[in-house]
Every structure is written in C-alpha cells, then in structure tokens.
Amino acid sequence: MNADTLSAVFGALADPTRRAILQRLTEGDAQVSDLAAPFAISQPAISRHLKVLEDAGLISRSRVATARFSHLEADHLKGASEYMEQYKKFWGESFDKLDGALAAFQSVADPEKRSPHV
C-alpha cells in the first residue's frame, strides 16, 4: 500500500462518524438514508463522509434506479491493519522486556521472593 493511500485511509478513519458508517456496512450494503438515520446530521453531511470514504477506497457506491447504495471495500483496511501490525509486534516485545525487568526488580526488592541459596 503506498503512502498516499495509507494516509487517505487513516484520515478517513480519524472521524468517528465515518468509523460508525464502516461498522454499519459490515452488515451489508446500505442506502444513504439508512446510514444517516442514527446520526443527528443531514443527509448531505453523510454524503460528504461517504465521499471521503470512497476517495480512501474504503467503500464503493452504486445506483439502483434512484437509490444509491454504499458497499464496504475492506482491502484498504487490510493494508492499514498490516501497517499497524509492525507496531503491535514492537509494543508486544517492549512489554515483554518490561515484564522481565519488573520481575527482576521485584526479586531483588523483596527478599522473600528470592530463590533459596544452596
């Protein structure tokens, strides 16, 4: 995934309304009116959110007669997840090191937890 696409995906995910829209689309395609229903904002505002999601490649939109449907396109989410995975690994290793250092400190600080000398 190139840097511009990744930036667009993270920019789109930065907004809680857009994240909620994506969550709703995991249940299936939806019309703008259905996506707007849970929010106290106008349909044009929802349409602007949908445009950001579409530009980021997170959704596609189609028309059936006069209805306009949005469809989740999860491929770019996968790319963002893969990008974040490297940091998850880093933090996991860092926490493992911290756990080891804490255990060593506690065994020195608490003589009762030391192993008996032979």
PDB file of N, CA and C in Angstrom:
ATOM      1  N   MET A   1       0.864  -1.175   0.000  1.00  0.00           N
ATOM      2  CA  MET A   1       0.000   0.000   0.000  1.00  0.00           C
ATOM      3  C   MET A   1       0.900   1.224   0.000  1.00  0.00           C
ATOM      4  N   ASN A   2       0.660   2.146  -0.915  1.00  0.00           N
ATOM      5  CA  ASN A   2       1.525   3.324  -0.964  1.00  0.00           C
ATOM      6  C   ASN A   2       1.143   4.332   0.119  1.00  0.00           C
ATOM      7  N   ALA A   3       2.057   5.264   0.362  1.00  0.00           N
ATOM      8  CA  ALA A   3       1.892   6.216   1.466  1.00  0.00           C
ATOM      9  C   ALA A   3       0.653   7.093   1.297  1.00  0.00           C
ATOM     10  N   ASP A   4       0.343   7.509   0.066  1.00  0.00           N
ATOM     11  CA  ASP A   4      -0.834   8.355  -0.150  1.00  0.00           C
ATOM     12  C   ASP A   4      -2.124   7.623   0.186  1.00  0.00           C
ATOM     13  N   THR A   5      -2.212   6.355  -0.219  1.00  0.00           N
ATOM     14  CA  THR A   5      -3.397   5.550   0.081  1.00  0.00           C
ATOM     15  C   THR A   5      -3.515   5.335   1.581  1.00  0.00           C
ATOM     16  N   LEU A   6      -2.399   5.018   2.219  1.00  0.00           N
ATOM     17  CA  LEU A   6      -2.400   4.801   3.659  1.00  0.00           C
ATOM     18  C   LEU A   6      -2.823   6.069   4.397  1.00  0.00           C
ATOM     19  N   SER A   7      -2.331   7.211   3.955  1.00  0.00           N
ATOM     20  CA  SER A   7      -2.719   8.485   4.577  1.00  0.00           C
ATOM     21  C   SER A   7      -4.213   8.747   4.412  1.00  0.00           C
ATOM     22  N   ALA A   8      -4.739   8.447   3.230  1.00  0.00           N
ATOM     23  CA  ALA A   8      -6.176   8.646   2.992  1.00  0.00           C
ATOM     24  C   ALA A   8      -7.007   7.718   3.876  1.00  0.00           C
ATOM     25  N   VAL A   9      -6.559   6.478   4.036  1.00  0.00           N
ATOM     26  CA  VAL A   9      -7.292   5.528   4.882  1.00  0.00           C
ATOM     27  C   VAL A   9      -7.291   6.004   6.328  1.00  0.00           C
ATOM     28  N   PHE A  10      -6.119   6.351   6.854  1.00  0.00           N
ATOM     29  CA  PHE A  10      -6.069   6.805   8.247  1.00  0.00           C
ATOM     30  C   PHE A  10      -6.815   8.124   8.433  1.00  0.00           C
ATOM     31  N   GLY A  11      -6.774   8.996   7.433  1.00  0.00           N
ATOM     32  CA  GLY A  11      -7.540  10.241   7.504  1.00  0.00           C
ATOM     33  C   GLY A  11      -9.035   9.966   7.559  1.00  0.00           C
ATOM     34  N   ALA A  12      -9.490   9.011   6.759  1.00  0.00           N
ATOM     35  CA  ALA A  12     -10.912   8.649   6.757  1.00  0.00           C
ATOM     36  C   ALA A  12     -11.311   8.014   8.086  1.00  0.00           C
ATOM     37  N   LEU A  13     -10.419   7.199   8.648  1.00  0.00           N
ATOM     38  CA  LEU A  13     -10.724   6.523   9.916  1.00  0.00           C
ATOM     39  C   LEU A  13     -10.640   7.453  11.116  1.00  0.00           C
ATOM     40  N   ALA A  14     -10.096   8.641  10.930  1.00  0.00           N
ATOM     41  CA  ALA A  14      -9.928   9.572  12.046  1.00  0.00           C
ATOM     42  C   ALA A  14     -11.259  10.109  12.568  1.00  0.00           C
ATOM     43  N   ASP A  15     -12.298  10.023  11.775  1.00  0.00           N
ATOM     44  CA  ASP A  15     -13.588  10.581  12.164  1.00  0.00           C
ATOM     45  C   ASP A  15     -14.517   9.498  12.709  1.00  0.00           C
ATOM     46  N   PRO A  16     -15.111   9.709  13.900  1.00  0.00           N
ATOM     47  CA  PRO A  16     -15.975   8.675  14.490  1.00  0.00           C
ATOM     48  C   PRO A  16     -17.231   8.383  13.667  1.00  0.00           C
ATOM     49  N   THR A  17     -17.757   9.371  12.976  1.00  0.00           N
ATOM     50  CA  THR A  17     -18.940   9.134  12.139  1.00  0.00           C
ATOM     51  C   THR A  17     -18.585   8.183  11.004  1.00  0.00           C
ATOM     52  N   ARG A  18     -17.434   8.403  10.375  1.00  0.00           N
ATOM     53  CA  ARG A  18     -17.023   7.527   9.277  1.00  0.00           C
ATOM     54  C   ARG A  18     -16.732   6.110   9.780  1.00  0.00           C
ATOM     55  N   ARG A  19     -16.145   6.000  10.967  1.00  0.00           N
ATOM     56  CA  ARG A  19     -15.917   4.655  11.529  1.00  0.00           C
ATOM     57  C   ARG A  19     -17.246   3.954  11.789  1.00  0.00           C
ATOM     58  N   ALA A  20     -18.236   4.695  12.277  1.00  0.00           N
ATOM     59  CA  ALA A  20     -19.559   4.110  12.530  1.00  0.00           C
ATOM     60  C   ALA A  20     -20.222   3.682  11.217  1.00  0.00           C
ATOM     61  N   ILE A  21     -20.033   4.460  10.182  1.00  0.00           N
ATOM     62  CA  ILE A  21     -20.587   4.098   8.871  1.00  0.00           C
ATOM     63  C   ILE A  21     -19.946   2.799   8.386  1.00  0.00           C
ATOM     64  N   LEU A  22     -18.639   2.696   8.505  1.00  0.00           N
ATOM     65  CA  LEU A  22     -17.954   1.462   8.094  1.00  0.00           C
ATOM     66  C   LEU A  22     -18.451   0.273   8.904  1.00  0.00           C
ATOM     67  N   GLN A  23     -18.631   0.481  10.199  1.00  0.00           N
ATOM     68  CA  GLN A  23     -19.139  -0.594  11.054  1.00  0.00           C
ATOM     69  C   GLN A  23     -20.509  -1.045  10.572  1.00  0.00           C
ATOM     70  N   ARG A  24     -21.369  -0.103  10.255  1.00  0.00           N
ATOM     71  CA  ARG A  24     -22.707  -0.440   9.751  1.00  0.00           C
ATOM     72  C   ARG A  24     -22.616  -1.213   8.444  1.00  0.00           C
ATOM     73  N   LEU A  25     -21.672  -0.848   7.577  1.00  0.00           N
ATOM     74  CA  LEU A  25     -21.558  -1.501   6.272  1.00  0.00           C
ATOM     75  C   LEU A  25     -21.017  -2.927   6.380  1.00  0.00           C
ATOM     76  N   THR A  26     -20.494  -3.315   7.543  1.00  0.00           N
ATOM     77  CA  THR A  26     -20.092  -4.722   7.719  1.00  0.00           C
ATOM     78  C   THR A  26     -21.316  -5.633   7.709  1.00  0.00           C
ATOM     79  N   GLU A  27     -22.493  -5.064   7.952  1.00  0.00           N
ATOM     80  CA  GLU A  27     -23.745  -5.830   7.938  1.00  0.00           C
ATOM     81  C   GLU A  27     -24.315  -5.974   6.535  1.00  0.00           C
ATOM     82  N   GLY A  28     -23.795  -5.209   5.579  1.00  0.00           N
ATOM     83  CA  GLY A  28     -24.289  -5.265   4.211  1.00  0.00           C
ATOM     84  C   GLY A  28     -24.440  -3.883   3.616  1.00  0.00           C
ATOM     85  N   ASP A  29     -24.703  -3.842   2.324  1.00  0.00           N
ATOM     86  CA  ASP A  29     -24.861  -2.579   1.608  1.00  0.00           C
ATOM     87  C   ASP A  29     -26.021  -1.778   2.196  1.00  0.00           C
ATOM     88  N   ALA A  30     -25.921  -0.457   2.084  1.00  0.00           N
ATOM     89  CA  ALA A  30     -26.962   0.404   2.652  1.00  0.00           C
ATOM     90  C   ALA A  30     -27.125   1.669   1.826  1.00  0.00           C
ATOM     91  N   GLN A  31     -28.341   2.209   1.882  1.00  0.00           N
ATOM     92  CA  GLN A  31     -28.628   3.483   1.243  1.00  0.00           C
ATOM     93  C   GLN A  31     -28.189   4.625   2.154  1.00  0.00           C
ATOM     94  N   VAL A  32     -28.008   5.784   1.564  1.00  0.00           N
ATOM     95  CA  VAL A  32     -27.591   6.964   2.320  1.00  0.00           C
ATOM     96  C   VAL A  32     -28.568   7.248   3.460  1.00  0.00           C
ATOM     97  N   SER A  33     -29.855   7.115   3.203  1.00  0.00           N
ATOM     98  CA  SER A  33     -30.845   7.395   4.246  1.00  0.00           C
ATOM     99  C   SER A  33     -30.692   6.436   5.422  1.00  0.00           C
ATOM    100  N   ASP A  34     -30.381   5.172   5.132  1.00  0.00           N
ATOM    101  CA  ASP A  34     -30.166   4.193   6.208  1.00  0.00           C
ATOM    102  C   ASP A  34     -28.920   4.535   7.012  1.00  0.00           C
ATOM    103  N   LEU A  35     -27.883   4.972   6.323  1.00  0.00           N
ATOM    104  CA  LEU A  35     -26.635   5.317   7.005  1.00  0.00           C
ATOM    105  C   LEU A  35     -26.781   6.597   7.824  1.00  0.00           C
ATOM    106  N   ALA A  36     -27.636   7.510   7.369  1.00  0.00           N
ATOM    107  CA  ALA A  36     -27.823   8.782   8.065  1.00  0.00           C
ATOM    108  C   ALA A  36     -28.716   8.647   9.298  1.00  0.00           C
ATOM    109  N   ALA A  37     -29.577   7.630   9.343  1.00  0.00           N
ATOM    110  CA  ALA A  37     -30.592   7.501  10.393  1.00  0.00           C
ATOM    111  C   ALA A  37     -30.062   7.625  11.826  1.00  0.00           C
ATOM    112  N   PRO A  38     -28.959   6.973  12.198  1.00  0.00           N
ATOM    113  CA  PRO A  38     -28.538   7.051  13.608  1.00  0.00           C
ATOM    114  C   PRO A  38     -27.865   8.371  13.997  1.00  0.00           C
ATOM    115  N   PHE A  39     -27.618   9.238  13.036  1.00  0.00           N
ATOM    116  CA  PHE A  39     -26.862  10.457  13.316  1.00  0.00           C
ATOM    117  C   PHE A  39     -27.749  11.693  13.298  1.00  0.00           C
ATOM    118  N   ALA A  40     -27.384  12.661  14.091  1.00  0.00           N
ATOM    119  CA  ALA A  40     -28.122  13.932  14.142  1.00  0.00           C
ATOM    120  C   ALA A  40     -27.490  14.919  13.165  1.00  0.00           C
ATOM    121  N   ILE A  41     -27.217  14.432  11.952  1.00  0.00           N
ATOM    122  CA  ILE A  41     -26.674  15.295  10.901  1.00  0.00           C
ATOM    123  C   ILE A  41     -27.461  15.047   9.622  1.00  0.00           C
ATOM    124  N   SER A  42     -27.334  15.957   8.685  1.00  0.00           N
ATOM    125  CA  SER A  42     -28.120  15.892   7.452  1.00  0.00           C
ATOM    126  C   SER A  42     -27.595  14.823   6.495  1.00  0.00           C
ATOM    127  N   GLN A  43     -28.452  14.436   5.550  1.00  0.00           N
ATOM    128  CA  GLN A  43     -28.012  13.502   4.519  1.00  0.00           C
ATOM    129  C   GLN A  43     -26.866  14.074   3.683  1.00  0.00           C
ATOM    130  N   PRO A  44     -26.881  15.373   3.351  1.00  0.00           N
ATOM    131  CA  PRO A  44     -25.721  15.915   2.632  1.00  0.00           C
ATOM    132  C   PRO A  44     -24.414  15.778   3.426  1.00  0.00           C
ATOM    133  N   ALA A  45     -24.494  15.912   4.742  1.00  0.00           N
ATOM    134  CA  ALA A  45     -23.294  15.731   5.564  1.00  0.00           C
ATOM    135  C   ALA A  45     -22.832  14.274   5.509  1.00  0.00           C
ATOM    136  N   ILE A  46     -23.770  13.340   5.558  1.00  0.00           N
ATOM    137  CA  ILE A  46     -23.430  11.915   5.429  1.00  0.00           C
ATOM    138  C   ILE A  46     -22.817  11.668   4.054  1.00  0.00           C
ATOM    139  N   SER A  47     -23.367  12.295   3.034  1.00  0.00           N
ATOM    140  CA  SER A  47     -22.825  12.133   1.682  1.00  0.00           C
ATOM    141  C   SER A  47     -21.382  12.620   1.601  1.00  0.00           C
ATOM    142  N   ARG A  48     -21.060  13.685   2.315  1.00  0.00           N
ATOM    143  CA  ARG A  48     -19.665  14.167   2.339  1.00  0.00           C
ATOM    144  C   ARG A  48     -18.764  13.143   3.027  1.00  0.00           C
ATOM    145  N   HIS A  49     -19.244  12.544   4.116  1.00  0.00           N
ATOM    146  CA  HIS A  49     -18.480  11.485   4.782  1.00  0.00           C
ATOM    147  C   HIS A  49     -18.277  10.301   3.831  1.00  0.00           C
ATOM    148  N   LEU A  50     -19.322   9.942   3.097  1.00  0.00           N
ATOM    149  CA  LEU A  50     -19.227   8.833   2.156  1.00  0.00           C
ATOM    150  C   LEU A  50     -18.215   9.137   1.052  1.00  0.00           C
ATOM    151  N   LYS A  51     -18.146  10.375   0.631  1.00  0.00           N
ATOM    152  CA  LYS A  51     -17.177  10.779  -0.395  1.00  0.00           C
ATOM    153  C   LYS A  51     -15.747  10.586   0.119  1.00  0.00           C
ATOM    154  N   VAL A  52     -15.498  10.944   1.369  1.00  0.00           N
ATOM    155  CA  VAL A  52     -14.166  10.749   1.963  1.00  0.00           C
ATOM    156  C   VAL A  52     -13.836   9.263   2.014  1.00  0.00           C
ATOM    157  N   LEU A  53     -14.794   8.448   2.436  1.00  0.00           N
ATOM    158  CA  LEU A  53     -14.584   7.001   2.496  1.00  0.00           C
ATOM    159  C   LEU A  53     -14.347   6.415   1.112  1.00  0.00           C
ATOM    160  N   GLU A  54     -15.082   6.914   0.131  1.00  0.00           N
ATOM    161  CA  GLU A  54     -14.913   6.439  -1.240  1.00  0.00           C
ATOM    162  C   GLU A  54     -13.544   6.844  -1.794  1.00  0.00           C
ATOM    163  N   ASP A  55     -13.136   8.082  -1.552  1.00  0.00           N
ATOM    164  CA  ASP A  55     -11.831   8.547  -2.024  1.00  0.00           C
ATOM    165  C   ASP A  55     -10.686   7.748  -1.404  1.00  0.00           C
ATOM    166  N   ALA A  56     -10.889   7.262  -0.184  1.00  0.00           N
ATOM    167  CA  ALA A  56      -9.875   6.450   0.500  1.00  0.00           C
ATOM    168  C   ALA A  56      -9.923   4.991   0.046  1.00  0.00           C
ATOM    169  N   GLY A  57     -10.905   4.640  -0.777  1.00  0.00           N
ATOM    170  CA  GLY A  57     -11.037   3.274  -1.264  1.00  0.00           C
ATOM    171  C   GLY A  57     -11.687   2.332  -0.266  1.00  0.00           C
ATOM    172  N   LEU A  58     -12.317   2.883   0.774  1.00  0.00           N
ATOM    173  CA  LEU A  58     -12.927   2.055   1.814  1.00  0.00           C
ATOM    174  C   LEU A  58     -14.353   1.635   1.482  1.00  0.00           C
ATOM    175  N   ILE A  59     -14.991   2.370   0.580  1.00  0.00           N
ATOM    176  CA  ILE A  59     -16.330   1.991   0.123  1.00  0.00           C
ATOM    177  C   ILE A  59     -16.412   2.222  -1.379  1.00  0.00           C
ATOM    178  N   SER A  60     -17.378   1.571  -1.994  1.00  0.00           N
ATOM    179  CA  SER A  60     -17.764   1.881  -3.367  1.00  0.00           C
ATOM    180  C   SER A  60     -19.251   2.212  -3.325  1.00  0.00           C
ATOM    181  N   ARG A  61     -19.694   2.973  -4.314  1.00  0.00           N
ATOM    182  CA  ARG A  61     -21.109   3.339  -4.353  1.00  0.00           C
ATOM    183  C   ARG A  61     -21.685   2.987  -5.716  1.00  0.00           C
ATOM    184  N   SER A  62     -22.952   2.588  -5.692  1.00  0.00           N
ATOM    185  CA  SER A  62     -23.638   2.232  -6.932  1.00  0.00           C
ATOM    186  C   SER A  62     -25.069   2.741  -6.873  1.00  0.00           C
ATOM    187  N   ARG A  63     -25.672   2.819  -8.056  1.00  0.00           N
ATOM    188  CA  ARG A  63     -27.063   3.256  -8.154  1.00  0.00           C
ATOM    189  C   ARG A  63     -27.932   2.116  -8.633  1.00  0.00           C
ATOM    190  N   VAL A  64     -29.101   2.002  -8.005  1.00  0.00           N
ATOM    191  CA  VAL A  64     -30.140   1.102  -8.477  1.00  0.00           C
ATOM    192  C   VAL A  64     -31.388   1.969  -8.551  1.00  0.00           C
ATOM    193  N   ALA A  65     -31.785   2.280  -9.793  1.00  0.00           N
ATOM    194  CA  ALA A  65     -32.879   3.228 -10.046  1.00  0.00           C
ATOM    195  C   ALA A  65     -32.511   4.555  -9.393  1.00  0.00           C
ATOM    196  N   THR A  66     -33.311   5.025  -8.428  1.00  0.00           N
ATOM    197  CA  THR A  66     -32.998   6.304  -7.778  1.00  0.00           C
ATOM    198  C   THR A  66     -32.260   6.122  -6.460  1.00  0.00           C
ATOM    199  N   ALA A  67     -32.095   4.884  -6.038  1.00  0.00           N
ATOM    200  CA  ALA A  67     -31.411   4.621  -4.765  1.00  0.00           C
ATOM    201  C   ALA A  67     -29.907   4.529  -4.990  1.00  0.00           C
ATOM    202  N   ARG A  68     -29.159   5.061  -4.043  1.00  0.00           N
ATOM    203  CA  ARG A  68     -27.702   4.984  -4.100  1.00  0.00           C
ATOM    204  C   ARG A  68     -27.224   4.152  -2.921  1.00  0.00           C
ATOM    205  N   PHE A  69     -26.505   3.073  -3.214  1.00  0.00           N
ATOM    206  CA  PHE A  69     -26.040   2.146  -2.189  1.00  0.00           C
ATOM    207  C   PHE A  69     -24.542   2.283  -1.977  1.00  0.00           C
ATOM    208  N   SER A  70     -24.125   2.085  -0.729  1.00  0.00           N
ATOM    209  CA  SER A  70     -22.709   2.059  -0.376  1.00  0.00           C
ATOM    210  C   SER A  70     -22.336   0.638  -0.012  1.00  0.00           C
ATOM    211  N   HIS A  71     -21.114   0.259  -0.394  1.00  0.00           N
ATOM    212  CA  HIS A  71     -20.614  -1.101  -0.174  1.00  0.00           C
ATOM    213  C   HIS A  71     -19.224  -1.011   0.446  1.00  0.00           C
ATOM    214  N   LEU A  72     -18.989  -1.783   1.493  1.00  0.00           N
ATOM    215  CA  LEU A  72     -17.689  -1.815   2.153  1.00  0.00           C
ATOM    216  C   LEU A  72     -16.653  -2.479   1.253  1.00  0.00           C
ATOM    217  N   GLU A  73     -15.513  -1.831   1.101  1.00  0.00           N
ATOM    218  CA  GLU A  73     -14.365  -2.377   0.365  1.00  0.00           C
ATOM    219  C   GLU A  73     -13.244  -2.535   1.389  1.00  0.00           C
ATOM    220  N   ALA A  74     -13.076  -3.728   1.903  1.00  0.00           N
ATOM    221  CA  ALA A  74     -12.197  -3.952   3.052  1.00  0.00           C
ATOM    222  C   ALA A  74     -10.717  -4.090   2.703  1.00  0.00           C
ATOM    223  N   ASP A  75     -10.352  -4.137   1.437  1.00  0.00           N
ATOM    224  CA  ASP A  75      -8.950  -4.341   1.066  1.00  0.00           C
ATOM    225  C   ASP A  75      -8.021  -3.282   1.655  1.00  0.00           C
ATOM    226  N   HIS A  76      -8.417  -2.027   1.594  1.00  0.00           N
ATOM    227  CA  HIS A  76      -7.548  -0.974   2.133  1.00  0.00           C
ATOM    228  C   HIS A  76      -7.487  -1.012   3.654  1.00  0.00           C
ATOM    229  N   LEU A  77      -8.529  -1.505   4.289  1.00  0.00           N
ATOM    230  CA  LEU A  77      -8.466  -1.703   5.739  1.00  0.00           C
ATOM    231  C   LEU A  77      -7.430  -2.771   6.073  1.00  0.00           C
ATOM    232  N   LYS A  78      -7.359  -3.786   5.239  1.00  0.00           N
ATOM    233  CA  LYS A  78      -6.364  -4.839   5.443  1.00  0.00           C
ATOM    234  C   LYS A  78      -4.962  -4.254   5.343  1.00  0.00           C
ATOM    235  N   GLY A  79      -4.730  -3.392   4.375  1.00  0.00           N
ATOM    236  CA  GLY A  79      -3.423  -2.754   4.226  1.00  0.00           C
ATOM    237  C   GLY A  79      -3.057  -1.914   5.436  1.00  0.00           C
ATOM    238  N   ALA A  80      -4.020  -1.189   5.967  1.00  0.00           N
ATOM    239  CA  ALA A  80      -3.768  -0.374   7.167  1.00  0.00           C
ATOM    240  C   ALA A  80      -3.498  -1.274   8.363  1.00  0.00           C
ATOM    241  N   SER A  81      -4.217  -2.368   8.455  1.00  0.00           N
ATOM    242  CA  SER A  81      -4.005  -3.315   9.546  1.00  0.00           C
ATOM    243  C   SER A  81      -2.605  -3.917   9.481  1.00  0.00           C
ATOM    244  N   GLU A  82      -2.158  -4.272   8.277  1.00  0.00           N
ATOM    245  CA  GLU A  82      -0.814  -4.816   8.105  1.00  0.00           C
ATOM    246  C   GLU A  82       0.243  -3.789   8.504  1.00  0.00           C
ATOM    247  N   TYR A  83       0.003  -2.530   8.166  1.00  0.00           N
ATOM    248  CA  TYR A  83       0.921  -1.462   8.558  1.00  0.00           C
ATOM    249  C   TYR A  83       1.015  -1.369  10.083  1.00  0.00           C
ATOM    250  N   MET A  84      -0.132  -1.429  10.754  1.00  0.00           N
ATOM    251  CA  MET A  84      -0.153  -1.304  12.214  1.00  0.00           C
ATOM    252  C   MET A  84       0.412  -2.547  12.903  1.00  0.00           C
ATOM    253  N   GLU A  85       0.381  -3.681  12.235  1.00  0.00           N
ATOM    254  CA  GLU A  85       0.856  -4.930  12.828  1.00  0.00           C
ATOM    255  C   GLU A  85       2.319  -4.833  13.256  1.00  0.00           C
ATOM    256  N   GLN A  86       3.138  -4.108  12.486  1.00  0.00           N
ATOM    257  CA  GLN A  86       4.537  -3.972  12.865  1.00  0.00           C
ATOM    258  C   GLN A  86       4.687  -3.244  14.196  1.00  0.00           C
ATOM    259  N   TYR A  87       3.800  -2.328  14.488  1.00  0.00           N
ATOM    260  CA  TYR A  87       3.856  -1.615  15.764  1.00  0.00           C
ATOM    261  C   TYR A  87       3.313  -2.476  16.895  1.00  0.00           C
ATOM    262  N   LYS A  88       2.345  -3.310  16.592  1.00  0.00           N
ATOM    263  CA  LYS A  88       1.824  -4.242  17.589  1.00  0.00           C
ATOM    264  C   LYS A  88       2.941  -5.185  18.032  1.00  0.00           C
ATOM    265  N   LYS A  89       3.711  -5.677  17.073  1.00  0.00           N
ATOM    266  CA  LYS A  89       4.833  -6.550  17.390  1.00  0.00           C
ATOM    267  C   LYS A  89       5.859  -5.802  18.244  1.00  0.00           C
ATOM    268  N   PHE A  90       6.171  -4.561  17.866  1.00  0.00           N
ATOM    269  CA  PHE A  90       7.126  -3.751  18.627  1.00  0.00           C
ATOM    270  C   PHE A  90       6.663  -3.575  20.070  1.00  0.00           C
ATOM    271  N   TRP A  91       5.391  -3.198  20.249  1.00  0.00           N
ATOM    272  CA  TRP A  91       4.886  -2.975  21.605  1.00  0.00           C
ATOM    273  C   TRP A  91       4.829  -4.271  22.399  1.00  0.00           C
ATOM    274  N   GLY A  92       4.486  -5.377  21.751  1.00  0.00           N
ATOM    275  CA  GLY A  92       4.474  -6.668  22.432  1.00  0.00           C
ATOM    276  C   GLY A  92       5.860  -7.028  22.951  1.00  0.00           C
ATOM    277  N   GLU A  93       6.885  -6.835  22.112  1.00  0.00           N
ATOM    278  CA  GLU A  93       8.253  -7.116  22.538  1.00  0.00           C
ATOM    279  C   GLU A  93       8.677  -6.171  23.656  1.00  0.00           C
ATOM    280  N   SER A  94       8.286  -4.909  23.549  1.00  0.00           N
ATOM    281  CA  SER A  94       8.640  -3.931  24.587  1.00  0.00           C
ATOM    282  C   SER A  94       7.994  -4.287  25.920  1.00  0.00           C
ATOM    283  N   PHE A  95       6.756  -4.716  25.900  1.00  0.00           N
ATOM    284  CA  PHE A  95       6.076  -5.102  27.139  1.00  0.00           C
ATOM    285  C   PHE A  95       6.690  -6.364  27.729  1.00  0.00           C
ATOM    286  N   ASP A  96       7.114  -7.285  26.868  1.00  0.00           N
ATOM    287  CA  ASP A  96       7.792  -8.489  27.368  1.00  0.00           C
ATOM    288  C   ASP A  96       9.081  -8.121  28.088  1.00  0.00           C
ATOM    289  N   LYS A  97       9.850  -7.193  27.524  1.00  0.00           N
ATOM    290  CA  LYS A  97      11.086  -6.734  28.164  1.00  0.00           C
ATOM    291  C   LYS A  97      10.772  -6.042  29.488  1.00  0.00           C
ATOM    292  N   LEU A  98       9.730  -5.236  29.499  1.00  0.00           N
ATOM    293  CA  LEU A  98       9.334  -4.539  30.720  1.00  0.00           C
ATOM    294  C   LEU A  98       8.912  -5.541  31.793  1.00  0.00           C
ATOM    295  N   ASP A  99       8.153  -6.569  31.416  1.00  0.00           N
ATOM    296  CA  ASP A  99       7.761  -7.613  32.375  1.00  0.00           C
ATOM    297  C   ASP A  99       8.987  -8.288  32.975  1.00  0.00           C
ATOM    298  N   GLY A 100       9.990  -8.590  32.144  1.00  0.00           N
ATOM    299  CA  GLY A 100      11.207  -9.219  32.630  1.00  0.00           C
ATOM    300  C   GLY A 100      11.969  -8.318  33.585  1.00  0.00           C
ATOM    301  N   ALA A 101      12.074  -7.038  33.242  1.00  0.00           N
ATOM    302  CA  ALA A 101      12.777  -6.093  34.105  1.00  0.00           C
ATOM    303  C   ALA A 101      12.039  -5.917  35.427  1.00  0.00           C
ATOM    304  N   LEU A 102      10.722  -5.865  35.389  1.00  0.00           N
ATOM    305  CA  LEU A 102       9.925  -5.717  36.603  1.00  0.00           C
ATOM    306  C   LEU A 102      10.078  -6.942  37.507  1.00  0.00           C
ATOM    307  N   ALA A 103      10.061  -8.127  36.923  1.00  0.00           N
ATOM    308  CA  ALA A 103      10.231  -9.352  37.702  1.00  0.00           C
ATOM    309  C   ALA A 103      11.608  -9.384  38.357  1.00  0.00           C
ATOM    310  N   ALA A 104      12.637  -8.973  37.627  1.00  0.00           N
ATOM    311  CA  ALA A 104      13.994  -8.937  38.191  1.00  0.00           C
ATOM    312  C   ALA A 104      14.071  -7.930  39.322  1.00  0.00           C
ATOM    313  N   PHE A 105      13.470  -6.775  39.139  1.00  0.00           N
ATOM    314  CA  PHE A 105      13.474  -5.750  40.189  1.00  0.00           C
ATOM    315  C   PHE A 105      12.741  -6.241  41.427  1.00  0.00           C
ATOM    316  N   GLN A 106      11.602  -6.871  41.235  1.00  0.00           N
ATOM    317  CA  GLN A 106      10.818  -7.355  42.378  1.00  0.00           C
ATOM    318  C   GLN A 106      11.559  -8.444  43.148  1.00  0.00           C
ATOM    319  N   SER A 107      12.286  -9.294  42.438  1.00  0.00           N
ATOM    320  CA  SER A 107      13.013 -10.350  43.154  1.00  0.00           C
ATOM    321  C   SER A 107      14.161  -9.774  43.968  1.00  0.00           C
ATOM    322  N   VAL A 108      14.759  -8.677  43.520  1.00  0.00           N
ATOM    323  CA  VAL A 108      15.825  -8.014  44.289  1.00  0.00           C
ATOM    324  C   VAL A 108      15.224  -7.215  45.435  1.00  0.00           C
ATOM    325  N   ALA A 109      14.089  -6.565  45.195  1.00  0.00           N
ATOM    326  CA  ALA A 109      13.482  -5.695  46.208  1.00  0.00           C
ATOM    327  C   ALA A 109      12.781  -6.480  47.308  1.00  0.00           C
ATOM    328  N   ASP A 110      12.307  -7.683  47.033  1.00  0.00           N
ATOM    329  CA  ASP A 110      11.580  -8.477  48.015  1.00  0.00           C
ATOM    330  C   ASP A 110      12.364  -9.745  48.313  1.00  0.00           C
ATOM    331  N   PRO A 111      13.112  -9.772  49.410  1.00  0.00           N
ATOM    332  CA  PRO A 111      13.965 -10.919  49.709  1.00  0.00           C
ATOM    333  C   PRO A 111      13.184 -12.232  49.840  1.00  0.00           C
ATOM    334  N   GLU A 112      11.931 -12.203  50.212  1.00  0.00           N
ATOM    335  CA  GLU A 112      11.164 -13.442  50.366  1.00  0.00           C
ATOM    336  C   GLU A 112      10.895 -14.114  49.027  1.00  0.00           C
ATOM    337  N   LYS A 113      10.966 -13.346  47.927  1.00  0.00           N
ATOM    338  CA  LYS A 113      10.707 -13.923  46.608  1.00  0.00           C
ATOM    339  C   LYS A 113      11.983 -14.447  45.982  1.00  0.00           C
ATOM    340  N   ARG A 114      13.128 -14.228  46.597  1.00  0.00           N
ATOM    341  CA  ARG A 114      14.388 -14.739  46.062  1.00  0.00           C
ATOM    342  C   ARG A 114      14.417 -16.255  46.203  1.00  0.00           C
ATOM    343  N   SER A 115      15.100 -16.866  45.281  1.00  0.00           N
ATOM    344  CA  SER A 115      15.249 -18.317  45.375  1.00  0.00           C
ATOM    345  C   SER A 115      16.235 -18.630  46.485  1.00  0.00           C
ATOM    346  N   PRO A 116      16.042 -19.732  47.223  1.00  0.00           N
ATOM    347  CA  PRO A 116      16.932 -20.066  48.328  1.00  0.00           C
ATOM    348  C   PRO A 116      18.313 -20.413  47.819  1.00  0.00           C
ATOM    349  N   HIS A 117      19.328 -20.008  48.600  1.00  0.00           N
ATOM    350  CA  HIS A 117      20.719 -20.305  48.223  1.00  0.00           C
ATOM    351  C   HIS A 117      21.064 -21.721  48.690  1.00  0.00           C
ATOM    352  N   VAL A 118      21.880 -22.367  47.933  1.00  0.00           N
ATOM    353  CA  VAL A 118      22.292 -23.726  48.272  1.00  0.00           C
ATOM    354  C   VAL A 118      23.534 -23.706  49.115  1.00  0.00           C
TER     355      VAL A 118
END
